[in-house]
Amino acid sequence: DWDEMMSVNLRGLFFCCREAGRVMLEQGRGRIVNMSSQAGVVGIRDHAVYSASKGGVNLLTKVLALEWSDRGVTVNAVAPTFIYTPGTAERLDQEDYLAEVLERLPIGRVGTTTDVAAAVIYLASPAGAMVSGHVLLVDGGWTAQSPTAFRLRRTANQLVRRTKSIIFAFTAAFTNTDSWFVTRHYFFLRPCRTGSLLSGSLTALPDSAALYTARMISTLR
C-alpha cells in the first residue's frame, strides 16, 4: 500500500529527523543515521513503492546534511541488501527465492543484522566525523555489478541447473582451429584443438551475452 509504505519509510523518518535534529542543533553536535536500502539506489522488480520510499530517504539524507553539517550534525544513511531477519525469513527460507537473491550477490550470502550494525556504528562514531550526506551501501556488491554481466551469469546458471553437463563451446574469431570452453559461474578459458566448428556455439545465449563473451575471448587471445 502506497500510503502505508510512505508513512512508515519516509514520512515517519522525516519527523524523527526533525525532532532529533532540534536537540542536536541546539547542542551543536550529533549524528543521524537513517535506514535506507539498496532498493533506493537501483531498481528492483516488484519493489516499486518500497524503492520510491527509500529513494526519498536517500535524498532527504543528503539535503539535511547540506543544511545541518556546518552546525555540527552529520546526516547519513545505511543502505543494506537482503538481510536475514525474522521479517525476511519466510521468503529467504524458500530455496528458489534465496537462489535468485544469491545470484545477484557477488559476496555469496545474504546480510546479517551485525553487518548493518557495524556500518551504523562507524557512521555514529568519531571515525565517521568527516562523513556527511553519504548513503553507505552494505550490499555485498549488488549495486557494483554490470547489468550485462549479471544477465550473462544468470543465463549460464539457469542452463547449468537444467543439466549439469552443459558446457558452452565457443570458436575463436580467427582463422586457426582453437576453441574455448566456458565453465559454470565464471570465465575460465582453456584452448582445445578441434577440427570443426562446434554446433550451436553461440546460440545458447542471448545476442548481448554472446557478443560479450566473444569480446572477452578476443582480448584474452
N, C-alpha and C. Protein backbone atom coordinates (compact mmCIF):
# COMPACT_ATOMS: atom_id res chain seq x y z
N ASP A 1 0.84 -1.19 0.00
CA ASP A 1 0.00 0.00 0.00
C ASP A 1 0.88 1.24 0.00
N TRP A 2 0.63 2.14 -0.96
CA TRP A 2 1.48 3.32 -1.13
C TRP A 2 1.47 4.19 0.13
N ASP A 3 0.31 4.54 0.64
CA ASP A 3 0.22 5.46 1.77
C ASP A 3 0.89 4.87 3.01
N GLU A 4 0.64 3.60 3.27
CA GLU A 4 1.24 2.98 4.46
C GLU A 4 2.76 2.92 4.35
N MET A 5 3.26 2.52 3.18
CA MET A 5 4.70 2.40 2.98
C MET A 5 5.38 3.77 3.10
N MET A 6 4.79 4.78 2.49
CA MET A 6 5.38 6.12 2.57
C MET A 6 5.29 6.69 3.98
N SER A 7 4.22 6.38 4.68
CA SER A 7 4.07 6.88 6.05
C SER A 7 5.15 6.32 6.97
N VAL A 8 5.44 5.05 6.82
CA VAL A 8 6.43 4.41 7.69
C VAL A 8 7.85 4.74 7.24
N ASN A 9 8.15 4.53 5.97
CA ASN A 9 9.53 4.62 5.50
C ASN A 9 10.03 6.04 5.28
N LEU A 10 9.15 6.96 4.90
CA LEU A 10 9.61 8.30 4.56
C LEU A 10 9.04 9.38 5.47
N ARG A 11 7.74 9.41 5.62
CA ARG A 11 7.12 10.46 6.44
C ARG A 11 7.55 10.33 7.90
N GLY A 12 7.47 9.11 8.43
CA GLY A 12 7.88 8.90 9.81
C GLY A 12 9.35 9.22 10.03
N LEU A 13 10.18 8.83 9.06
CA LEU A 13 11.61 9.11 9.17
C LEU A 13 11.88 10.61 9.16
N PHE A 14 11.15 11.35 8.33
CA PHE A 14 11.32 12.80 8.29
C PHE A 14 11.03 13.44 9.65
N PHE A 15 9.94 13.03 10.28
CA PHE A 15 9.59 13.63 11.57
C PHE A 15 10.59 13.22 12.66
N CYS A 16 11.11 12.00 12.58
CA CYS A 16 12.14 11.59 13.53
C CYS A 16 13.40 12.44 13.37
N CYS A 17 13.80 12.67 12.12
CA CYS A 17 14.97 13.52 11.86
C CYS A 17 14.73 14.94 12.39
N ARG A 18 13.54 15.45 12.17
CA ARG A 18 13.24 16.80 12.59
C ARG A 18 13.33 16.95 14.10
N GLU A 19 12.76 16.01 14.83
CA GLU A 19 12.77 16.10 16.29
C GLU A 19 14.17 15.88 16.86
N ALA A 20 14.89 14.88 16.33
CA ALA A 20 16.25 14.64 16.80
C ALA A 20 17.15 15.81 16.42
N GLY A 21 16.92 16.34 15.22
CA GLY A 21 17.74 17.45 14.75
C GLY A 21 17.62 18.68 15.62
N ARG A 22 16.44 18.95 16.15
CA ARG A 22 16.24 20.11 17.01
C ARG A 22 17.16 20.05 18.23
N VAL A 23 17.21 18.88 18.84
CA VAL A 23 18.05 18.71 20.02
C VAL A 23 19.52 18.80 19.65
N MET A 24 19.90 18.11 18.59
CA MET A 24 21.31 18.09 18.19
C MET A 24 21.81 19.46 17.75
N LEU A 25 21.00 20.18 17.01
CA LEU A 25 21.40 21.52 16.56
C LEU A 25 21.55 22.47 17.74
N GLU A 26 20.69 22.32 18.72
CA GLU A 26 20.77 23.18 19.91
C GLU A 26 22.05 22.93 20.69
N GLN A 27 22.47 21.66 20.75
CA GLN A 27 23.68 21.33 21.49
C GLN A 27 24.94 21.45 20.64
N GLY A 28 24.75 21.65 19.32
CA GLY A 28 25.89 21.87 18.43
C GLY A 28 26.63 20.63 17.99
N ARG A 29 26.05 19.47 18.16
CA ARG A 29 26.70 18.24 17.71
C ARG A 29 25.66 17.11 17.63
N GLY A 30 25.97 16.13 16.82
CA GLY A 30 25.06 14.99 16.72
C GLY A 30 25.33 14.16 15.48
N ARG A 31 24.81 12.95 15.50
CA ARG A 31 24.92 12.03 14.37
C ARG A 31 23.52 11.45 14.08
N ILE A 32 23.09 11.62 12.86
CA ILE A 32 21.84 10.99 12.43
C ILE A 32 22.18 9.96 11.36
N VAL A 33 21.73 8.72 11.58
CA VAL A 33 21.95 7.65 10.62
C VAL A 33 20.59 7.07 10.24
N ASN A 34 20.16 7.34 9.04
CA ASN A 34 18.87 6.86 8.55
C ASN A 34 19.00 5.46 7.96
N MET A 35 17.91 4.72 7.97
CA MET A 35 17.91 3.37 7.41
C MET A 35 17.28 3.40 6.02
N SER A 36 18.11 3.17 5.03
CA SER A 36 17.65 3.14 3.64
C SER A 36 17.72 1.70 3.12
N SER A 37 17.99 1.54 1.85
CA SER A 37 18.06 0.21 1.23
C SER A 37 18.74 0.34 -0.12
N GLN A 38 19.32 -0.77 -0.57
CA GLN A 38 19.86 -0.79 -1.93
C GLN A 38 18.75 -0.53 -2.95
N ALA A 39 17.51 -0.81 -2.56
CA ALA A 39 16.37 -0.58 -3.46
C ALA A 39 16.12 0.90 -3.69
N GLY A 40 16.74 1.76 -2.89
CA GLY A 40 16.65 3.20 -3.12
C GLY A 40 17.73 3.71 -4.04
N VAL A 41 18.64 2.82 -4.45
CA VAL A 41 19.76 3.19 -5.31
C VAL A 41 19.60 2.60 -6.71
N VAL A 42 19.14 1.36 -6.76
CA VAL A 42 18.86 0.71 -8.05
C VAL A 42 17.45 0.14 -8.02
N GLY A 43 16.84 0.04 -9.17
CA GLY A 43 15.51 -0.52 -9.24
C GLY A 43 15.50 -2.02 -9.00
N ILE A 44 14.51 -2.50 -8.28
CA ILE A 44 14.34 -3.93 -8.05
C ILE A 44 12.91 -4.29 -8.44
N ARG A 45 12.78 -5.25 -9.29
CA ARG A 45 11.48 -5.66 -9.80
C ARG A 45 10.53 -6.00 -8.64
N ASP A 46 9.28 -5.58 -8.78
CA ASP A 46 8.23 -5.84 -7.78
C ASP A 46 8.41 -5.05 -6.49
N HIS A 47 9.27 -4.03 -6.50
CA HIS A 47 9.50 -3.22 -5.30
C HIS A 47 9.29 -1.73 -5.60
N ALA A 48 8.32 -1.40 -6.43
CA ALA A 48 8.15 -0.01 -6.88
C ALA A 48 7.91 0.95 -5.73
N VAL A 49 6.97 0.66 -4.87
CA VAL A 49 6.64 1.57 -3.77
C VAL A 49 7.78 1.62 -2.76
N TYR A 50 8.31 0.46 -2.42
CA TYR A 50 9.41 0.40 -1.47
C TYR A 50 10.63 1.16 -1.99
N SER A 51 10.96 0.95 -3.27
CA SER A 51 12.10 1.65 -3.85
C SER A 51 11.88 3.16 -3.86
N ALA A 52 10.67 3.59 -4.16
CA ALA A 52 10.37 5.02 -4.17
C ALA A 52 10.54 5.62 -2.78
N SER A 53 10.10 4.90 -1.76
CA SER A 53 10.21 5.41 -0.39
C SER A 53 11.67 5.51 0.04
N LYS A 54 12.47 4.53 -0.31
CA LYS A 54 13.88 4.55 0.09
C LYS A 54 14.69 5.52 -0.74
N GLY A 55 14.29 5.74 -1.99
CA GLY A 55 14.93 6.80 -2.78
C GLY A 55 14.69 8.15 -2.14
N GLY A 56 13.49 8.35 -1.59
CA GLY A 56 13.19 9.58 -0.86
C GLY A 56 14.05 9.72 0.39
N VAL A 57 14.28 8.62 1.08
CA VAL A 57 15.15 8.64 2.26
C VAL A 57 16.55 9.11 1.88
N ASN A 58 17.07 8.61 0.77
CA ASN A 58 18.42 8.98 0.35
C ASN A 58 18.55 10.47 0.07
N LEU A 59 17.58 11.05 -0.63
CA LEU A 59 17.67 12.47 -0.94
C LEU A 59 17.38 13.34 0.28
N LEU A 60 16.48 12.90 1.14
CA LEU A 60 16.25 13.63 2.39
C LEU A 60 17.53 13.67 3.21
N THR A 61 18.23 12.55 3.26
CA THR A 61 19.50 12.47 3.98
C THR A 61 20.51 13.48 3.43
N LYS A 62 20.62 13.57 2.14
CA LYS A 62 21.58 14.49 1.52
C LYS A 62 21.22 15.96 1.79
N VAL A 63 19.93 16.28 1.68
CA VAL A 63 19.51 17.67 1.90
C VAL A 63 19.73 18.09 3.36
N LEU A 64 19.38 17.21 4.30
CA LEU A 64 19.60 17.54 5.71
C LEU A 64 21.08 17.69 6.02
N ALA A 65 21.91 16.88 5.36
CA ALA A 65 23.35 17.02 5.55
C ALA A 65 23.84 18.40 5.07
N LEU A 66 23.30 18.85 3.95
CA LEU A 66 23.66 20.18 3.44
C LEU A 66 23.27 21.28 4.43
N GLU A 67 22.13 21.11 5.07
CA GLU A 67 21.60 22.16 5.94
C GLU A 67 22.19 22.12 7.35
N TRP A 68 22.62 20.94 7.83
CA TRP A 68 22.99 20.81 9.24
C TRP A 68 24.46 20.52 9.50
N SER A 69 25.21 20.11 8.50
CA SER A 69 26.59 19.69 8.75
C SER A 69 27.45 20.80 9.33
N ASP A 70 27.27 22.03 8.83
CA ASP A 70 28.11 23.12 9.34
C ASP A 70 27.72 23.56 10.74
N ARG A 71 26.69 22.93 11.29
CA ARG A 71 26.28 23.22 12.67
C ARG A 71 26.57 22.04 13.59
N GLY A 72 27.43 21.13 13.11
CA GLY A 72 27.91 20.03 13.94
C GLY A 72 27.11 18.75 13.88
N VAL A 73 26.10 18.69 13.01
CA VAL A 73 25.26 17.49 12.93
C VAL A 73 25.46 16.83 11.56
N THR A 74 26.02 15.63 11.59
CA THR A 74 26.17 14.89 10.33
C THR A 74 24.93 14.02 10.10
N VAL A 75 24.58 13.87 8.85
CA VAL A 75 23.40 13.08 8.48
C VAL A 75 23.81 12.11 7.37
N ASN A 76 23.65 10.83 7.63
CA ASN A 76 24.00 9.79 6.66
C ASN A 76 22.90 8.73 6.64
N ALA A 77 23.07 7.77 5.76
CA ALA A 77 22.12 6.65 5.70
C ALA A 77 22.88 5.37 5.42
N VAL A 78 22.33 4.27 5.88
CA VAL A 78 22.86 2.94 5.58
C VAL A 78 21.86 2.24 4.67
N ALA A 79 22.37 1.65 3.59
CA ALA A 79 21.50 1.02 2.60
C ALA A 79 21.87 -0.45 2.46
N PRO A 80 21.22 -1.32 3.21
CA PRO A 80 21.56 -2.75 3.16
C PRO A 80 20.96 -3.47 1.96
N THR A 81 21.50 -4.63 1.69
CA THR A 81 20.93 -5.57 0.74
C THR A 81 19.90 -6.42 1.48
N PHE A 82 19.61 -7.61 0.98
CA PHE A 82 18.70 -8.53 1.68
C PHE A 82 19.36 -8.99 2.98
N ILE A 83 18.70 -8.73 4.10
CA ILE A 83 19.20 -9.08 5.42
C ILE A 83 18.31 -10.17 6.02
N TYR A 84 18.95 -11.19 6.57
CA TYR A 84 18.17 -12.27 7.17
C TYR A 84 17.68 -11.84 8.56
N THR A 85 16.39 -11.68 8.70
CA THR A 85 15.75 -11.28 9.96
C THR A 85 14.47 -12.11 10.11
N PRO A 86 13.83 -12.04 11.28
CA PRO A 86 12.53 -12.72 11.41
C PRO A 86 11.51 -12.25 10.37
N GLY A 87 11.64 -10.99 9.94
CA GLY A 87 10.70 -10.47 8.96
C GLY A 87 10.96 -10.95 7.54
N THR A 88 12.21 -11.31 7.22
CA THR A 88 12.53 -11.77 5.86
C THR A 88 12.71 -13.28 5.78
N ALA A 89 12.70 -13.94 6.93
CA ALA A 89 12.98 -15.39 6.95
C ALA A 89 11.99 -16.18 6.11
N GLU A 90 10.73 -15.78 6.10
CA GLU A 90 9.72 -16.54 5.36
C GLU A 90 10.07 -16.63 3.88
N ARG A 91 10.59 -15.53 3.33
CA ARG A 91 10.95 -15.55 1.91
C ARG A 91 12.33 -16.18 1.70
N LEU A 92 13.31 -15.78 2.52
CA LEU A 92 14.67 -16.26 2.32
C LEU A 92 14.84 -17.73 2.65
N ASP A 93 13.92 -18.29 3.39
CA ASP A 93 13.96 -19.73 3.67
C ASP A 93 13.44 -20.56 2.51
N GLN A 94 12.88 -19.90 1.51
CA GLN A 94 12.43 -20.60 0.31
C GLN A 94 13.64 -20.79 -0.63
N GLU A 95 13.92 -22.00 -0.96
CA GLU A 95 15.14 -22.32 -1.70
C GLU A 95 15.23 -21.58 -3.02
N ASP A 96 14.14 -21.55 -3.77
CA ASP A 96 14.16 -20.88 -5.08
C ASP A 96 14.36 -19.38 -4.94
N TYR A 97 13.68 -18.79 -3.97
CA TYR A 97 13.80 -17.34 -3.76
C TYR A 97 15.22 -16.98 -3.32
N LEU A 98 15.77 -17.76 -2.39
CA LEU A 98 17.13 -17.50 -1.92
C LEU A 98 18.14 -17.63 -3.05
N ALA A 99 17.96 -18.64 -3.90
CA ALA A 99 18.88 -18.83 -5.02
C ALA A 99 18.85 -17.63 -5.96
N GLU A 100 17.66 -17.08 -6.19
CA GLU A 100 17.53 -15.91 -7.06
C GLU A 100 18.24 -14.70 -6.45
N VAL A 101 18.11 -14.53 -5.14
CA VAL A 101 18.79 -13.42 -4.46
C VAL A 101 20.31 -13.59 -4.52
N LEU A 102 20.78 -14.80 -4.25
CA LEU A 102 22.22 -15.05 -4.21
C LEU A 102 22.87 -14.87 -5.58
N GLU A 103 22.10 -15.06 -6.64
CA GLU A 103 22.64 -14.82 -7.99
C GLU A 103 23.06 -13.37 -8.16
N ARG A 104 22.44 -12.47 -7.41
CA ARG A 104 22.74 -11.05 -7.53
C ARG A 104 23.75 -10.57 -6.49
N LEU A 105 24.20 -11.46 -5.61
CA LEU A 105 25.11 -11.06 -4.53
C LEU A 105 26.49 -11.64 -4.77
N PRO A 106 27.42 -10.84 -5.30
CA PRO A 106 28.77 -11.34 -5.55
C PRO A 106 29.45 -11.89 -4.29
N ILE A 107 29.08 -11.39 -3.13
CA ILE A 107 29.70 -11.86 -1.90
C ILE A 107 29.25 -13.27 -1.53
N GLY A 108 28.15 -13.74 -2.12
CA GLY A 108 27.76 -15.13 -1.97
C GLY A 108 26.89 -15.45 -0.78
N ARG A 109 26.38 -14.46 -0.09
CA ARG A 109 25.50 -14.71 1.06
C ARG A 109 24.61 -13.50 1.29
N VAL A 110 23.51 -13.70 2.01
CA VAL A 110 22.69 -12.56 2.41
C VAL A 110 23.33 -11.92 3.64
N GLY A 111 22.91 -10.69 3.94
CA GLY A 111 23.49 -9.98 5.07
C GLY A 111 22.89 -10.39 6.40
N THR A 112 23.55 -9.93 7.46
CA THR A 112 23.06 -10.15 8.81
C THR A 112 22.85 -8.80 9.49
N THR A 113 22.14 -8.81 10.59
CA THR A 113 21.94 -7.57 11.34
C THR A 113 23.27 -7.02 11.86
N THR A 114 24.23 -7.90 12.11
CA THR A 114 25.56 -7.47 12.55
C THR A 114 26.25 -6.66 11.46
N ASP A 115 26.09 -7.06 10.21
CA ASP A 115 26.67 -6.30 9.09
C ASP A 115 26.14 -4.87 9.07
N VAL A 116 24.84 -4.74 9.28
CA VAL A 116 24.21 -3.41 9.26
C VAL A 116 24.65 -2.60 10.48
N ALA A 117 24.66 -3.25 11.64
CA ALA A 117 25.04 -2.55 12.87
C ALA A 117 26.46 -2.00 12.78
N ALA A 118 27.36 -2.74 12.16
CA ALA A 118 28.75 -2.29 12.03
C ALA A 118 28.83 -0.99 11.24
N ALA A 119 28.02 -0.89 10.18
CA ALA A 119 28.01 0.34 9.37
C ALA A 119 27.45 1.51 10.16
N VAL A 120 26.40 1.26 10.93
CA VAL A 120 25.80 2.33 11.74
C VAL A 120 26.78 2.81 12.79
N ILE A 121 27.47 1.87 13.45
CA ILE A 121 28.45 2.24 14.48
C ILE A 121 29.55 3.10 13.89
N TYR A 122 30.02 2.75 12.71
CA TYR A 122 31.06 3.56 12.07
C TYR A 122 30.58 4.99 11.83
N LEU A 123 29.40 5.15 11.25
CA LEU A 123 28.90 6.48 10.94
C LEU A 123 28.60 7.30 12.19
N ALA A 124 28.27 6.62 13.28
CA ALA A 124 27.93 7.32 14.52
C ALA A 124 29.16 7.57 15.40
N SER A 125 30.29 7.03 15.01
CA SER A 125 31.49 7.11 15.84
C SER A 125 32.38 8.28 15.42
N PRO A 126 33.38 8.60 16.22
CA PRO A 126 34.34 9.65 15.84
C PRO A 126 35.05 9.34 14.52
N ALA A 127 35.18 8.06 14.20
CA ALA A 127 35.84 7.68 12.94
C ALA A 127 35.07 8.18 11.72
N GLY A 128 33.76 8.41 11.87
CA GLY A 128 32.94 8.88 10.76
C GLY A 128 32.66 10.36 10.81
N ALA A 129 33.46 11.11 11.55
CA ALA A 129 33.18 12.54 11.75
C ALA A 129 33.21 13.35 10.46
N MET A 130 33.98 12.91 9.46
CA MET A 130 34.11 13.66 8.21
C MET A 130 33.10 13.20 7.17
N VAL A 131 32.26 12.25 7.52
CA VAL A 131 31.30 11.70 6.56
C VAL A 131 29.93 12.31 6.81
N SER A 132 29.38 12.94 5.79
CA SER A 132 28.03 13.51 5.91
C SER A 132 27.39 13.59 4.54
N GLY A 133 26.10 13.27 4.49
CA GLY A 133 25.39 13.26 3.22
C GLY A 133 25.66 12.02 2.39
N HIS A 134 26.15 10.97 3.04
CA HIS A 134 26.54 9.76 2.32
C HIS A 134 25.53 8.63 2.57
N VAL A 135 25.28 7.85 1.51
CA VAL A 135 24.47 6.65 1.63
C VAL A 135 25.42 5.46 1.54
N LEU A 136 25.67 4.82 2.68
CA LEU A 136 26.64 3.73 2.76
C LEU A 136 25.96 2.41 2.39
N LEU A 137 26.35 1.86 1.26
CA LEU A 137 25.76 0.60 0.79
C LEU A 137 26.42 -0.59 1.51
N VAL A 138 25.58 -1.39 2.13
CA VAL A 138 26.03 -2.64 2.76
C VAL A 138 25.35 -3.75 1.96
N ASP A 139 25.81 -3.94 0.73
CA ASP A 139 25.04 -4.72 -0.23
C ASP A 139 25.78 -5.89 -0.84
N GLY A 140 26.94 -6.23 -0.31
CA GLY A 140 27.66 -7.39 -0.82
C GLY A 140 28.03 -7.31 -2.29
N GLY A 141 28.07 -6.09 -2.84
CA GLY A 141 28.43 -5.92 -4.25
C GLY A 141 27.25 -5.90 -5.21
N TRP A 142 26.02 -5.95 -4.66
CA TRP A 142 24.82 -5.99 -5.52
C TRP A 142 24.82 -4.86 -6.55
N THR A 143 25.04 -3.63 -6.09
CA THR A 143 24.94 -2.47 -7.00
C THR A 143 26.20 -2.22 -7.80
N ALA A 144 27.27 -3.00 -7.54
CA ALA A 144 28.53 -2.77 -8.24
C ALA A 144 28.60 -3.46 -9.58
N GLN A 145 27.76 -4.47 -9.80
CA GLN A 145 27.91 -5.31 -10.97
C GLN A 145 27.24 -4.72 -12.20
N SER A 146 27.79 -5.07 -13.34
CA SER A 146 27.23 -4.66 -14.63
C SER A 146 25.95 -5.43 -14.91
N PRO A 147 24.90 -4.76 -15.35
CA PRO A 147 23.66 -5.48 -15.71
C PRO A 147 23.90 -6.54 -16.77
N THR A 148 24.79 -6.25 -17.74
CA THR A 148 25.09 -7.23 -18.79
C THR A 148 25.75 -8.46 -18.20
N ALA A 149 26.72 -8.24 -17.30
CA ALA A 149 27.41 -9.37 -16.68
C ALA A 149 26.45 -10.20 -15.85
N PHE A 150 25.53 -9.51 -15.14
CA PHE A 150 24.56 -10.26 -14.34
C PHE A 150 23.66 -11.10 -15.21
N ARG A 151 23.16 -10.52 -16.32
CA ARG A 151 22.28 -11.29 -17.20
C ARG A 151 23.01 -12.50 -17.77
N LEU A 152 24.27 -12.32 -18.12
CA LEU A 152 25.05 -13.43 -18.64
C LEU A 152 25.23 -14.51 -17.57
N ARG A 153 25.55 -14.08 -16.36
CA ARG A 153 25.74 -15.04 -15.27
C ARG A 153 24.44 -15.77 -14.95
N ARG A 154 23.32 -15.05 -14.92
CA ARG A 154 22.04 -15.66 -14.61
C ARG A 154 21.65 -16.67 -15.69
N THR A 155 21.87 -16.30 -16.96
CA THR A 155 21.53 -17.22 -18.04
C THR A 155 22.35 -18.49 -17.95
N ALA A 156 23.65 -18.35 -17.67
CA ALA A 156 24.51 -19.52 -17.55
C ALA A 156 24.07 -20.39 -16.38
N ASN A 157 23.75 -19.76 -15.25
CA ASN A 157 23.32 -20.52 -14.08
C ASN A 157 22.02 -21.28 -14.33
N GLN A 158 21.10 -20.63 -15.02
CA GLN A 158 19.82 -21.29 -15.31
C GLN A 158 20.03 -22.52 -16.19
N LEU A 159 20.89 -22.39 -17.19
CA LEU A 159 21.13 -23.51 -18.08
C LEU A 159 21.88 -24.64 -17.37
N VAL A 160 22.82 -24.26 -16.50
CA VAL A 160 23.58 -25.28 -15.78
C VAL A 160 22.69 -26.04 -14.82
N ARG A 161 21.71 -25.34 -14.21
CA ARG A 161 20.80 -26.02 -13.30
C ARG A 161 19.95 -27.06 -14.03
N ARG A 162 19.63 -26.78 -15.30
CA ARG A 162 18.82 -27.72 -16.05
C ARG A 162 19.60 -29.01 -16.35
N THR A 163 20.85 -28.85 -16.63
CA THR A 163 21.69 -30.04 -16.85
C THR A 163 23.12 -29.70 -16.50
N LYS A 164 23.65 -30.35 -15.50
CA LYS A 164 24.99 -30.04 -15.00
C LYS A 164 26.08 -30.37 -16.02
N SER A 165 25.72 -31.10 -17.04
CA SER A 165 26.73 -31.50 -18.02
C SER A 165 26.93 -30.48 -19.13
N ILE A 166 26.12 -29.38 -19.11
CA ILE A 166 26.22 -28.39 -20.19
C ILE A 166 27.55 -27.66 -20.13
N ILE A 167 28.23 -27.62 -21.23
CA ILE A 167 29.44 -26.80 -21.38
C ILE A 167 29.28 -26.01 -22.67
N PHE A 168 29.46 -24.71 -22.58
CA PHE A 168 29.32 -23.88 -23.77
C PHE A 168 30.64 -23.87 -24.55
N ALA A 169 30.55 -24.11 -25.83
CA ALA A 169 31.74 -24.11 -26.68
C ALA A 169 31.71 -22.89 -27.59
N PHE A 170 32.79 -22.21 -27.63
CA PHE A 170 32.89 -21.02 -28.46
C PHE A 170 34.11 -21.15 -29.38
N THR A 171 33.95 -20.78 -30.62
CA THR A 171 35.06 -20.83 -31.56
C THR A 171 35.66 -19.45 -31.71
N ALA A 172 36.98 -19.39 -31.69
CA ALA A 172 37.68 -18.10 -31.78
C ALA A 172 37.38 -17.42 -33.10
N ALA A 173 37.53 -16.10 -33.11
CA ALA A 173 37.18 -15.32 -34.29
C ALA A 173 38.28 -15.31 -35.34
N PHE A 174 39.36 -16.03 -35.08
CA PHE A 174 40.46 -16.03 -36.03
C PHE A 174 40.41 -17.26 -36.92
N THR A 175 41.43 -17.44 -37.76
CA THR A 175 41.37 -18.48 -38.80
C THR A 175 41.92 -19.82 -38.34
N ASN A 176 42.53 -19.91 -37.15
CA ASN A 176 43.03 -21.21 -36.71
C ASN A 176 41.90 -22.04 -36.13
N THR A 177 42.22 -23.19 -35.59
CA THR A 177 41.19 -24.14 -35.16
C THR A 177 41.04 -24.20 -33.65
N ASP A 178 41.53 -23.18 -32.92
CA ASP A 178 41.36 -23.16 -31.47
C ASP A 178 39.91 -22.90 -31.10
N SER A 179 39.42 -23.58 -30.08
CA SER A 179 38.12 -23.30 -29.50
C SER A 179 38.31 -23.03 -28.02
N TRP A 180 37.26 -22.51 -27.40
CA TRP A 180 37.36 -22.15 -26.00
C TRP A 180 36.14 -22.69 -25.27
N PHE A 181 36.34 -23.05 -24.00
CA PHE A 181 35.24 -23.56 -23.20
C PHE A 181 34.99 -22.63 -22.03
N VAL A 182 33.73 -22.44 -21.71
CA VAL A 182 33.33 -21.62 -20.58
C VAL A 182 32.67 -22.52 -19.56
N THR A 183 33.15 -22.48 -18.32
CA THR A 183 32.60 -23.35 -17.29
C THR A 183 31.66 -22.57 -16.39
N ARG A 184 31.00 -23.26 -15.49
CA ARG A 184 29.95 -22.68 -14.66
C ARG A 184 30.45 -21.52 -13.81
N HIS A 185 29.64 -20.48 -13.73
CA HIS A 185 29.77 -19.34 -12.82
C HIS A 185 30.82 -18.31 -13.22
N TYR A 186 31.91 -18.73 -13.85
CA TYR A 186 32.94 -17.74 -14.15
C TYR A 186 33.63 -18.14 -15.44
N PHE A 187 34.36 -17.19 -16.03
CA PHE A 187 35.03 -17.44 -17.29
C PHE A 187 36.43 -18.00 -17.05
N PHE A 188 36.54 -19.32 -17.06
CA PHE A 188 37.84 -19.98 -17.01
C PHE A 188 38.05 -20.57 -18.39
N LEU A 189 38.92 -19.95 -19.17
CA LEU A 189 39.04 -20.33 -20.56
C LEU A 189 40.31 -21.13 -20.79
N ARG A 190 40.21 -22.21 -21.56
CA ARG A 190 41.37 -23.02 -21.89
C ARG A 190 41.29 -23.40 -23.36
N PRO A 191 42.43 -23.43 -24.08
CA PRO A 191 42.40 -23.78 -25.50
C PRO A 191 42.16 -25.26 -25.71
N CYS A 192 41.48 -25.61 -26.79
CA CYS A 192 41.24 -27.01 -27.12
C CYS A 192 41.24 -27.14 -28.64
N ARG A 193 42.07 -28.05 -29.16
CA ARG A 193 42.14 -28.24 -30.60
C ARG A 193 40.89 -28.96 -31.10
N THR A 194 40.36 -28.45 -32.18
CA THR A 194 39.22 -29.12 -32.79
C THR A 194 39.27 -28.92 -34.29
N GLY A 195 38.75 -29.85 -35.04
CA GLY A 195 38.84 -29.77 -36.48
C GLY A 195 37.65 -29.10 -37.14
N SER A 196 36.64 -28.77 -36.36
CA SER A 196 35.46 -28.18 -36.97
C SER A 196 34.75 -27.26 -35.98
N LEU A 197 33.91 -26.41 -36.50
CA LEU A 197 33.12 -25.51 -35.67
C LEU A 197 32.08 -26.32 -34.90
N LEU A 198 32.10 -26.22 -33.58
CA LEU A 198 31.14 -26.98 -32.79
C LEU A 198 29.75 -26.38 -32.96
N SER A 199 28.77 -27.20 -33.19
CA SER A 199 27.43 -26.71 -33.48
C SER A 199 26.83 -25.99 -32.29
N GLY A 200 26.06 -24.94 -32.58
CA GLY A 200 25.38 -24.18 -31.53
C GLY A 200 26.33 -23.42 -30.64
N SER A 201 27.45 -22.97 -31.17
CA SER A 201 28.50 -22.39 -30.35
C SER A 201 28.04 -21.14 -29.61
N LEU A 202 27.24 -20.30 -30.27
CA LEU A 202 26.79 -19.07 -29.63
C LEU A 202 25.28 -18.97 -29.54
N THR A 203 24.60 -20.05 -29.85
CA THR A 203 23.15 -19.96 -29.91
C THR A 203 22.48 -20.17 -28.56
N ALA A 204 23.22 -20.63 -27.56
CA ALA A 204 22.60 -20.91 -26.26
C ALA A 204 22.39 -19.66 -25.42
N LEU A 205 23.02 -18.57 -25.83
CA LEU A 205 22.94 -17.34 -25.04
C LEU A 205 22.31 -16.22 -25.85
N PRO A 206 21.74 -15.22 -25.17
CA PRO A 206 21.22 -14.05 -25.88
C PRO A 206 22.32 -13.36 -26.67
N ASP A 207 21.94 -12.57 -27.68
CA ASP A 207 22.93 -11.91 -28.53
C ASP A 207 23.91 -11.08 -27.72
N SER A 208 23.40 -10.32 -26.74
CA SER A 208 24.27 -9.45 -25.96
C SER A 208 25.30 -10.25 -25.18
N ALA A 209 24.89 -11.40 -24.65
CA ALA A 209 25.81 -12.25 -23.90
C ALA A 209 26.84 -12.87 -24.82
N ALA A 210 26.41 -13.29 -26.00
CA ALA A 210 27.32 -13.89 -26.95
C ALA A 210 28.40 -12.90 -27.38
N LEU A 211 27.99 -11.67 -27.68
CA LEU A 211 28.95 -10.65 -28.08
C LEU A 211 29.91 -10.33 -26.95
N TYR A 212 29.36 -10.28 -25.74
CA TYR A 212 30.19 -10.00 -24.56
C TYR A 212 31.27 -11.08 -24.40
N THR A 213 30.88 -12.34 -24.58
CA THR A 213 31.82 -13.44 -24.44
C THR A 213 32.85 -13.43 -25.57
N ALA A 214 32.40 -13.18 -26.79
CA ALA A 214 33.31 -13.11 -27.93
C ALA A 214 34.35 -12.03 -27.72
N ARG A 215 33.92 -10.90 -27.15
CA ARG A 215 34.84 -9.81 -26.88
C ARG A 215 35.90 -10.22 -25.86
N MET A 216 35.46 -10.96 -24.84
CA MET A 216 36.38 -11.46 -23.83
C MET A 216 37.41 -12.40 -24.45
N ILE A 217 36.93 -13.28 -25.33
CA ILE A 217 37.81 -14.24 -25.98
C ILE A 217 38.88 -13.52 -26.79
N SER A 218 38.47 -12.51 -27.56
CA SER A 218 39.41 -11.81 -28.43
C SER A 218 40.49 -11.09 -27.62
N THR A 219 40.12 -10.56 -26.43
CA THR A 219 41.10 -9.85 -25.61
C THR A 219 42.07 -10.82 -24.96
N LEU A 220 41.61 -12.02 -24.62
CA LEU A 220 42.48 -12.99 -23.98
C LEU A 220 43.46 -13.60 -24.98
N ARG A 221 43.06 -13.64 -26.22
CA ARG A 221 43.95 -14.19 -27.25
C ARG A 221 45.01 -13.17 -27.57
